[in-house]
Amino acid sequence: MNKKILIADDEQNIVISVEFLMKREGYTVFVAGDGDEALARIRAEKPDLVLLDVMMPKKNGFDVCQEVRADPALAG
């Protein structure tokens, strides 16, 4: 089973670069462009790793992290 990574960032150039590198290493990669989308993708895909940008639209990376930690289904 491939490990899943979510890249949550609103800067397309960064997303493209990191996504390319992670896919090249064999990871399954999902992308979110803002905090709300990141939370939705975390709940839907249950990634093994989430790379969060701090400054994103709608919810910043700190808010997303706090919501994930507060949700018992996701905290692990």
C-alpha atoms as a PDB file:
ATOM      1  CA  MET A   1       0.000   0.000   0.000  1.00  0.00           C
ATOM      2  CA  ASN A   2       1.329   3.437  -0.959  1.00  0.00           C
ATOM      3  CA  LYS A   3       1.684   6.032   1.746  1.00  0.00           C
ATOM      4  CA  LYS A   4      -0.600   9.032   1.217  1.00  0.00           C
ATOM      5  CA  ILE A   5       0.512  12.645   1.529  1.00  0.00           C
ATOM      6  CA  LEU A   6      -1.653  15.763   1.523  1.00  0.00           C
ATOM      7  CA  ILE A   7      -0.038  19.021   0.424  1.00  0.00           C
ATOM      8  CA  ALA A   8      -2.063  21.981   1.669  1.00  0.00           C
ATOM      9  CA  ASP A   9      -0.745  25.187   0.143  1.00  0.00           C
ATOM     10  CA  ASP A  10      -2.183  28.038  -1.917  1.00  0.00           C
ATOM     11  CA  GLU A  11       1.080  28.707  -3.765  1.00  0.00           C
ATOM     12  CA  GLN A  12       0.881  26.696  -7.009  1.00  0.00           C
ATOM     13  CA  ASN A  13       4.628  26.709  -7.725  1.00  0.00           C
ATOM     14  CA  ILE A  14       5.370  25.119  -4.360  1.00  0.00           C
ATOM     15  CA  VAL A  15       2.589  22.562  -4.762  1.00  0.00           C
ATOM     16  CA  ILE A  16       3.774  21.545  -8.230  1.00  0.00           C
ATOM     17  CA  SER A  17       7.376  21.098  -7.059  1.00  0.00           C
ATOM     18  CA  VAL A  18       6.605  19.163  -3.875  1.00  0.00           C
ATOM     19  CA  GLU A  19       3.941  17.056  -5.595  1.00  0.00           C
ATOM     20  CA  PHE A  20       6.396  16.081  -8.339  1.00  0.00           C
ATOM     21  CA  LEU A  21       9.070  15.090  -5.828  1.00  0.00           C
ATOM     22  CA  MET A  22       6.683  13.054  -3.665  1.00  0.00           C
ATOM     23  CA  LYS A  23       5.136  11.223  -6.622  1.00  0.00           C
ATOM     24  CA  ARG A  24       8.602  10.439  -7.951  1.00  0.00           C
ATOM     25  CA  GLU A  25       9.353   8.712  -4.634  1.00  0.00           C
ATOM     26  CA  GLY A  26       6.205   6.594  -4.971  1.00  0.00           C
ATOM     27  CA  TYR A  27       3.789   8.406  -2.671  1.00  0.00           C
ATOM     28  CA  THR A  28       0.125   8.981  -3.454  1.00  0.00           C
ATOM     29  CA  VAL A  29      -0.359  12.753  -3.319  1.00  0.00           C
ATOM     30  CA  PHE A  30      -3.471  14.824  -2.691  1.00  0.00           C
ATOM     31  CA  VAL A  31      -3.599  18.620  -2.896  1.00  0.00           C
ATOM     32  CA  ALA A  32      -5.669  21.266  -1.109  1.00  0.00           C
ATOM     33  CA  GLY A  33      -5.570  24.987  -1.910  1.00  0.00           C
ATOM     34  CA  ASP A  34      -7.029  26.346   1.339  1.00  0.00           C
ATOM     35  CA  GLY A  35      -7.701  25.366   4.935  1.00  0.00           C
ATOM     36  CA  ASP A  36     -11.287  24.253   4.450  1.00  0.00           C
ATOM     37  CA  GLU A  37     -10.345  22.039   1.523  1.00  0.00           C
ATOM     38  CA  ALA A  38      -7.440  20.631   3.555  1.00  0.00           C
ATOM     39  CA  LEU A  39      -9.783  19.574   6.362  1.00  0.00           C
ATOM     40  CA  ALA A  40     -12.177  17.965   3.891  1.00  0.00           C
ATOM     41  CA  ARG A  41      -9.333  16.047   2.208  1.00  0.00           C
ATOM     42  CA  ILE A  42      -7.927  14.934   5.575  1.00  0.00           C
ATOM     43  CA  ARG A  43     -11.322  13.538   6.579  1.00  0.00           C
ATOM     44  CA  ALA A  44     -11.904  11.879   3.199  1.00  0.00           C
ATOM     45  CA  GLU A  45      -8.442  10.499   2.401  1.00  0.00           C
ATOM     46  CA  LYS A  46      -6.904   9.921   5.874  1.00  0.00           C
ATOM     47  CA  PRO A  47      -3.369  10.761   4.671  1.00  0.00           C
ATOM     48  CA  ASP A  48      -0.293   9.427   6.449  1.00  0.00           C
ATOM     49  CA  LEU A  49       1.335  12.866   6.336  1.00  0.00           C
ATOM     50  CA  VAL A  50      -0.026  16.397   5.919  1.00  0.00           C
ATOM     51  CA  LEU A  51       2.215  19.246   4.777  1.00  0.00           C
ATOM     52  CA  LEU A  52       0.473  22.455   5.867  1.00  0.00           C
ATOM     53  CA  ASP A  53       1.238  25.974   4.746  1.00  0.00           C
ATOM     54  CA  VAL A  54       0.823  28.413   7.628  1.00  0.00           C
ATOM     55  CA  MET A  55      -0.732  31.228   5.596  1.00  0.00           C
ATOM     56  CA  MET A  56      -3.646  29.932   3.505  1.00  0.00           C
ATOM     57  CA  PRO A  57      -7.065  31.325   2.650  1.00  0.00           C
ATOM     58  CA  LYS A  58     -10.162  30.465   4.707  1.00  0.00           C
ATOM     59  CA  LYS A  59      -8.270  28.693   7.531  1.00  0.00           C
ATOM     60  CA  ASN A  60      -4.577  28.945   8.186  1.00  0.00           C
ATOM     61  CA  GLY A  61      -2.353  25.940   8.846  1.00  0.00           C
ATOM     62  CA  PHE A  62      -2.463  26.428  12.618  1.00  0.00           C
ATOM     63  CA  ASP A  63      -6.280  26.333  12.611  1.00  0.00           C
ATOM     64  CA  VAL A  64      -6.312  23.183  10.483  1.00  0.00           C
ATOM     65  CA  CYS A  65      -3.802  21.513  12.804  1.00  0.00           C
ATOM     66  CA  GLN A  66      -5.846  22.407  15.887  1.00  0.00           C
ATOM     67  CA  GLU A  67      -9.046  21.031  14.333  1.00  0.00           C
ATOM     68  CA  VAL A  68      -7.310  17.779  13.381  1.00  0.00           C
ATOM     69  CA  ARG A  69      -5.911  17.358  16.889  1.00  0.00           C
ATOM     70  CA  ALA A  70      -9.309  18.110  18.458  1.00  0.00           C
ATOM     71  CA  ASP A  71     -11.092  15.473  16.348  1.00  0.00           C
ATOM     72  CA  PRO A  72     -10.694  12.013  17.967  1.00  0.00           C
ATOM     73  CA  ALA A  73     -11.186  10.313  14.602  1.00  0.00           C
ATOM     74  CA  LEU A  74      -8.204  12.193  13.137  1.00  0.00           C
ATOM     75  CA  ALA A  75      -5.925  12.926  16.070  1.00  0.00           C
ATOM     76  CA  GLY A  76      -3.908   9.724  15.651  1.00  0.00           C
END
